[in-house]
Each structure stands twice: as C-alpha cells, then as structure tokens.
Amino acid sequence: FQSAEVSVSCFMNLTSMIALSKLQKNASYPRRIILSLFIYMICFVILSISTLFHTSASVYFSFLMAIILFASLSTGLIQNGLFAYVTGFGRPEYTQAIMSGQAIAGVLPPLAQIVAVLAVPAKDTETEDPHRMPSDPSDNPWAAFAYFSAATAVSVFSLLAFYLLRRRSSSQTHSTISDAN
C-alpha cells in the first residue's frame, strides 16, 4: 500500500496547495486553519473506529485511500493557512516555529505508534511470552485505536489553542486601537 498512499497524499497536497495559492484574494486564513483541523479530527475519529472492524483488503485499501485524500487536503489547507496567518503578525520567528513544528510532526507519529503498541498490550493470553510484541498490527487493534484517538485529541487541542490565539490576538488588536485613540 505504501507507494499508493504516498502517491495519493502527495498528489492531493500538491493539488490543494496550487488551488489555494490561486485563491489567495479575499481568503480567510483562520477559516482554512479551522476547516483543516475539523477535517483532521473527522479523519482520525473514523480511523479510530475503523480499527475495531475487520474487512477485506480491497475495502480497506479504498477506505484508506479516501482517508489519505482528505487528510492531505487538510494538510494543504493548514499549511497554506498557517503560513499566511503568521505572516500577518510580522514576526519571522513565528514562521520558524511552524517549520520546527512540521519537523516535530514528522518525528512524533512513529514515536507515538511505538508508545501505543507498548502501552496497550495485546489481548492474546495464549502466547508463551507475555512480553512478546505483536508480529502483526492486526494482532493488537487497541494499540491502533489508542494511536488514532491520541491524534484526535491532539487535533482537538490544536483547535482549542487556535481559538485562544485568535481571541488573544483579537483582544490585543482592540486594546491597541483603543490606546491609539
């Protein structure tokens, strides 16, 4: 699945970035960020629930491609929205922070997956070694459920943090305008 996953992801991300770049005039960057976080939350909730069901490889492949398509659209929205939004603050260190965040986002998911597998032991009590790692991720669907549930929680937290940032920057703008008068 890996080459198909990467192809769909890169294609949708590139397509959305090109389309969003063409739609810059009168764009609402906060709306793009919020929409992106909602799409992420929906994708992660659906992925969490999907770990509890077994299906054929072809059905799962189609489902996975659709989720990747939407997640990549969300990635394009948030990248475009965040970079444009922080540019409005006029502080270059904010853009550097976003780049650092993207680097962290590349490292954290594999670490979170390892933690999820280690934290949620397999339900298989018939194995000779209770510390044996599952040989197949489907041996432990609860680890995948925990992983995607954690991703959902991070998306919810990010949305709440963005709302707080918007409220704070809005109140600072109002106080600056009041001070100027």
Protein backbone atom coordinates (compact mmCIF):
# COMPACT_ATOMS: atom_id res chain seq x y z
CA PHE A 1 0.00 0.00 0.00
CA GLN A 2 2.86 2.37 0.74
CA SER A 3 3.55 3.65 -2.79
CA ALA A 4 -0.16 4.22 -3.41
CA GLU A 5 -0.51 6.02 -0.07
CA VAL A 6 2.40 8.34 -0.79
CA SER A 7 1.23 9.00 -4.35
CA VAL A 8 -2.32 9.91 -3.28
CA SER A 9 -1.02 12.03 -0.42
CA CYS A 10 1.49 13.99 -2.49
CA PHE A 11 -0.91 14.43 -5.40
CA MET A 12 -3.70 15.83 -3.21
CA ASN A 13 -1.35 18.00 -1.16
CA LEU A 14 0.21 19.49 -4.32
CA THR A 15 -3.19 19.96 -5.96
CA SER A 16 -4.65 21.67 -2.90
CA MET A 17 -1.61 23.91 -2.49
CA ILE A 18 -1.82 25.02 -6.13
CA ALA A 19 -5.57 25.65 -5.88
CA LEU A 20 -5.27 27.52 -2.58
CA SER A 21 -2.42 29.64 -3.92
CA LYS A 22 -4.68 30.70 -6.80
CA LEU A 23 -7.45 31.56 -4.31
CA GLN A 24 -5.44 33.98 -2.15
CA LYS A 25 -7.51 37.07 -2.85
CA ASN A 26 -10.01 37.64 0.00
CA ALA A 27 -9.03 34.32 1.59
CA SER A 28 -9.86 33.73 5.23
CA TYR A 29 -6.77 32.01 6.58
CA PRO A 30 -8.24 31.35 10.03
CA ARG A 31 -11.18 29.64 8.32
CA ARG A 32 -8.74 27.45 6.36
CA ILE A 33 -6.94 26.50 9.57
CA ILE A 34 -10.17 25.70 11.41
CA LEU A 35 -11.56 23.70 8.47
CA SER A 36 -8.30 21.77 8.28
CA LEU A 37 -8.39 20.87 11.96
CA PHE A 38 -12.01 19.72 11.65
CA ILE A 39 -11.11 17.52 8.67
CA TYR A 40 -8.20 16.05 10.64
CA MET A 41 -10.47 15.34 13.61
CA ILE A 42 -13.04 13.61 11.42
CA CYS A 43 -10.36 11.53 9.69
CA PHE A 44 -8.79 10.47 12.98
CA VAL A 45 -12.15 9.62 14.58
CA ILE A 46 -13.06 7.50 11.55
CA LEU A 47 -9.63 5.83 11.63
CA SER A 48 -10.04 5.15 15.37
CA ILE A 49 -13.39 3.50 14.82
CA SER A 50 -12.12 1.57 11.81
CA THR A 51 -9.55 -0.24 13.95
CA LEU A 52 -12.38 -2.07 15.68
CA PHE A 53 -13.71 -3.64 12.45
CA HIS A 54 -12.25 -6.29 10.18
CA THR A 55 -12.75 -6.06 6.46
CA SER A 56 -11.28 -7.29 3.20
CA ALA A 57 -8.01 -5.86 1.92
CA SER A 58 -9.68 -4.24 -1.11
CA VAL A 59 -12.32 -2.48 1.00
CA TYR A 60 -9.70 -1.34 3.49
CA PHE A 61 -7.44 -0.11 0.69
CA SER A 62 -10.26 2.01 -0.80
CA PHE A 63 -11.18 3.33 2.64
CA LEU A 64 -7.56 4.17 3.40
CA MET A 65 -7.07 5.99 0.09
CA ALA A 66 -10.16 8.12 0.77
CA ILE A 67 -8.93 8.99 4.28
CA ILE A 68 -5.47 9.86 2.93
CA LEU A 69 -7.07 12.04 0.27
CA PHE A 70 -8.98 14.06 2.87
CA ALA A 71 -6.04 14.20 5.29
CA SER A 72 -3.80 15.51 2.50
CA LEU A 73 -6.39 18.13 1.58
CA SER A 74 -6.35 19.12 5.23
CA THR A 75 -2.57 19.31 5.17
CA GLY A 76 -2.69 21.67 2.20
CA LEU A 77 -5.28 23.84 3.94
CA ILE A 78 -3.36 24.10 7.18
CA GLN A 79 0.00 24.74 5.53
CA ASN A 80 -1.40 27.48 3.35
CA GLY A 81 -3.48 28.97 6.15
CA LEU A 82 -0.83 28.88 8.86
CA PHE A 83 1.98 30.38 6.83
CA ALA A 84 -0.26 33.18 5.56
CA TYR A 85 -1.75 33.76 9.02
CA VAL A 86 1.56 34.06 10.88
CA THR A 87 2.95 36.33 8.18
CA GLY A 88 0.33 38.84 9.29
CA PHE A 89 2.00 39.07 12.71
CA GLY A 90 5.19 40.38 11.11
CA ARG A 91 7.42 38.18 13.28
CA PRO A 92 9.81 35.86 11.39
CA GLU A 93 10.30 33.62 14.43
CA TYR A 94 6.67 32.52 14.09
CA THR A 95 7.39 31.12 10.64
CA GLN A 96 10.47 29.37 12.05
CA ALA A 97 8.28 27.88 14.78
CA ILE A 98 5.91 26.47 12.14
CA MET A 99 8.84 24.90 10.31
CA SER A 100 10.06 23.39 13.57
CA GLY A 101 6.55 22.13 14.25
CA GLN A 102 6.44 20.42 10.88
CA ALA A 103 9.77 18.72 11.66
CA ILE A 104 8.38 17.55 15.00
CA ALA A 105 5.24 16.35 13.22
CA GLY A 106 7.45 14.12 11.10
CA VAL A 107 9.10 12.56 14.16
CA LEU A 108 6.24 12.26 16.65
CA PRO A 109 3.86 9.90 14.80
CA PRO A 110 6.31 6.98 14.64
CA LEU A 111 7.23 7.55 18.29
CA ALA A 112 3.55 7.72 19.25
CA GLN A 113 2.92 4.49 17.37
CA ILE A 114 5.72 2.76 19.28
CA VAL A 115 4.36 4.06 22.58
CA ALA A 116 0.82 2.97 21.66
CA VAL A 117 1.98 -0.56 20.85
CA LEU A 118 3.99 -0.78 24.07
CA ALA A 119 1.31 0.84 26.26
CA VAL A 120 -1.58 -1.29 25.04
CA PRO A 121 -0.59 -4.94 25.37
CA ALA A 122 -2.09 -7.50 23.03
CA LYS A 123 -5.16 -9.31 24.37
CA ASP A 124 -3.68 -12.67 23.34
CA THR A 125 -3.23 -14.60 26.60
CA GLU A 126 -2.25 -17.86 24.95
CA THR A 127 1.25 -16.77 23.98
CA GLU A 128 4.18 -18.29 25.75
CA ASP A 129 5.85 -14.91 26.35
CA PRO A 130 3.64 -12.15 27.84
CA HIS A 131 6.18 -9.51 26.76
CA ARG A 132 6.15 -10.61 23.12
CA MET A 133 5.47 -7.81 20.67
CA PRO A 134 2.63 -8.48 18.22
CA SER A 135 4.01 -9.74 14.93
CA ASP A 136 1.22 -8.07 13.02
CA PRO A 137 -0.53 -4.77 13.86
CA SER A 138 -3.87 -6.53 13.46
CA ASP A 139 -2.88 -8.65 16.49
CA ASN A 140 -3.48 -5.58 18.63
CA PRO A 141 -6.24 -3.33 17.26
CA TRP A 142 -6.43 -1.46 20.58
CA ALA A 143 -2.94 -0.03 20.04
CA ALA A 144 -4.09 1.42 16.70
CA PHE A 145 -7.26 2.68 18.37
CA ALA A 146 -5.16 4.41 21.06
CA TYR A 147 -2.85 5.87 18.42
CA PHE A 148 -5.65 7.41 16.34
CA SER A 149 -7.52 8.52 19.45
CA ALA A 150 -4.39 10.37 20.57
CA ALA A 151 -4.19 12.01 17.14
CA THR A 152 -7.82 13.08 17.53
CA ALA A 153 -7.03 14.57 20.94
CA VAL A 154 -4.07 16.49 19.51
CA SER A 155 -6.32 17.89 16.77
CA VAL A 156 -8.94 18.97 19.32
CA PHE A 157 -6.24 20.56 21.48
CA SER A 158 -4.82 22.36 18.42
CA LEU A 159 -8.25 23.72 17.52
CA LEU A 160 -8.81 24.99 21.07
CA ALA A 161 -5.34 26.55 21.12
CA PHE A 162 -6.04 28.29 17.81
CA TYR A 163 -9.33 29.67 19.14
CA LEU A 164 -7.45 31.03 22.17
CA LEU A 165 -4.79 32.56 19.91
CA ARG A 166 -7.48 34.23 17.80
CA ARG A 167 -9.26 35.56 20.88
CA ARG A 168 -5.98 36.85 22.34
CA SER A 169 -4.81 38.49 19.12
CA SER A 170 -8.27 39.99 18.64
CA SER A 171 -8.32 41.48 22.14
CA GLN A 172 -4.78 42.83 21.69
CA THR A 173 -5.83 44.45 18.41
CA HIS A 174 -8.81 46.09 20.12
CA SER A 175 -6.68 47.36 23.01
CA THR A 176 -4.05 48.72 20.58
CA ILE A 177 -6.77 50.57 18.66
CA SER A 178 -8.22 51.92 21.94
CA ASP A 179 -4.77 53.08 23.08
CA ALA A 180 -4.18 54.84 19.76
CA ASN A 181 -7.41 56.86 20.13
